[in-house]
């Protein structure tokens, strides 16, 4: 199991909507993530910068950010595109972060 961290960018004023949409996470997205080996997925919001910091555990090399070829993931990205900084395919602009310390 590998730990994976990345950051994304929330549009100003969209904090409540972002939290609301994730509180009502689509069952098919949850199933896709689980079947893809993604677990222990957490997203934190830094209100000073509107940066979303995410961590997850992955089996293999596929993180949640690598699932764009899947129709369900693409629909989720389309759904979220109005409240986040996105790429031309509506995937969230994300930056992988290098792990420098971990304590079990």
Protein backbone atom coordinates (compact mmCIF):
# COMPACT_ATOMS: atom_id res chain seq x y z
CA UNK A 1 0.00 0.00 0.00
CA UNK A 2 1.38 3.40 -0.99
CA UNK A 3 0.44 6.80 0.48
CA UNK A 4 -0.32 9.55 -2.01
CA UNK A 5 -0.74 13.28 -1.37
CA UNK A 6 -1.74 16.09 -3.69
CA UNK A 7 -3.27 19.54 -3.71
CA UNK A 8 -6.10 21.06 -5.74
CA UNK A 9 -7.57 24.54 -5.93
CA UNK A 10 -11.07 25.53 -4.84
CA UNK A 11 -12.71 28.58 -6.39
CA UNK A 12 -13.36 31.40 -3.89
CA UNK A 13 -16.79 31.28 -2.29
CA UNK A 14 -17.37 27.60 -3.14
CA UNK A 15 -16.41 26.02 0.18
CA UNK A 16 -19.94 25.16 1.29
CA UNK A 17 -20.90 23.76 -2.10
CA UNK A 18 -17.73 21.64 -2.23
CA UNK A 19 -18.46 20.19 1.22
CA UNK A 20 -22.12 19.61 0.29
CA UNK A 21 -21.25 17.72 -2.89
CA UNK A 22 -18.78 15.49 -1.05
CA UNK A 23 -21.26 14.87 1.78
CA UNK A 24 -23.51 13.44 -0.96
CA UNK A 25 -20.79 11.49 -2.77
CA UNK A 26 -22.22 9.38 -5.56
CA UNK A 27 -22.20 5.66 -4.68
CA UNK A 28 -20.73 4.86 -8.10
CA UNK A 29 -17.75 7.16 -7.43
CA UNK A 30 -17.14 5.52 -4.08
CA UNK A 31 -17.32 2.08 -5.72
CA UNK A 32 -14.95 3.15 -8.52
CA UNK A 33 -12.38 4.44 -6.03
CA UNK A 34 -12.58 1.31 -3.93
CA UNK A 35 -12.31 -1.01 -6.95
CA UNK A 36 -9.33 1.02 -8.18
CA UNK A 37 -7.47 0.45 -4.92
CA UNK A 38 -8.00 3.91 -3.40
CA UNK A 39 -8.71 3.94 0.34
CA UNK A 40 -8.34 6.14 3.39
CA UNK A 41 -9.07 9.20 1.20
CA UNK A 42 -9.17 12.50 3.08
CA UNK A 43 -9.47 16.07 1.77
CA UNK A 44 -8.57 19.12 3.87
CA UNK A 45 -9.40 22.74 3.03
CA UNK A 46 -7.00 25.62 3.78
CA UNK A 47 -9.34 28.60 3.97
CA UNK A 48 -6.49 31.12 3.76
CA UNK A 49 -5.42 29.91 0.32
CA UNK A 50 -8.46 27.90 -0.93
CA UNK A 51 -6.09 24.99 -1.47
CA UNK A 52 -7.48 21.52 -0.97
CA UNK A 53 -4.92 19.09 0.45
CA UNK A 54 -5.69 15.42 -0.14
CA UNK A 55 -4.23 12.18 1.09
CA UNK A 56 -5.13 8.65 0.14
CA UNK A 57 -3.72 5.17 0.20
CA UNK A 58 -3.41 3.36 -3.11
CA UNK A 59 -2.72 -0.19 -4.12
CA UNK A 60 -0.55 -0.16 -7.22
CA UNK A 61 0.19 3.09 -9.01
CA UNK A 62 -3.34 4.40 -9.72
CA UNK A 63 -4.60 7.31 -7.61
CA UNK A 64 -7.98 9.00 -7.86
CA UNK A 65 -6.37 11.52 -10.21
CA UNK A 66 -5.57 8.79 -12.75
CA UNK A 67 -9.14 7.62 -13.41
CA UNK A 68 -10.11 10.11 -16.13
CA UNK A 69 -10.66 7.43 -18.76
CA UNK A 70 -13.59 6.13 -16.71
CA UNK A 71 -16.99 7.61 -17.64
CA UNK A 72 -18.11 7.83 -14.00
CA UNK A 73 -14.97 9.76 -13.02
CA UNK A 74 -15.37 12.07 -16.01
CA UNK A 75 -18.99 12.83 -15.00
CA UNK A 76 -17.83 13.61 -11.46
CA UNK A 77 -15.14 15.94 -12.77
CA UNK A 78 -17.71 17.66 -15.01
CA UNK A 79 -20.00 18.04 -11.99
CA UNK A 80 -17.21 19.62 -9.93
CA UNK A 81 -15.74 21.83 -12.68
CA UNK A 82 -17.75 24.94 -11.79
CA UNK A 83 -16.28 25.18 -8.30
CA UNK A 84 -12.63 24.20 -8.84
CA UNK A 85 -9.66 25.13 -11.00
CA UNK A 86 -9.72 22.53 -13.78
CA UNK A 87 -7.81 21.37 -16.85
CA UNK A 88 -9.38 21.43 -20.35
CA UNK A 89 -10.85 17.93 -19.75
CA UNK A 90 -12.43 19.16 -16.46
CA UNK A 91 -10.04 17.12 -14.33
CA UNK A 92 -9.01 19.12 -11.29
CA UNK A 93 -5.71 20.93 -11.54
CA UNK A 94 -3.71 18.90 -9.06
CA UNK A 95 -0.12 18.82 -7.94
CA UNK A 96 1.36 15.66 -6.48
CA UNK A 97 3.19 16.32 -3.23
CA UNK A 98 6.40 14.60 -2.21
CA UNK A 99 6.23 12.79 1.10
CA UNK A 100 9.08 13.89 3.38
CA UNK A 101 7.96 12.34 6.69
CA UNK A 102 5.55 9.71 7.97
CA UNK A 103 5.01 8.31 11.47
CA UNK A 104 2.87 5.21 12.01
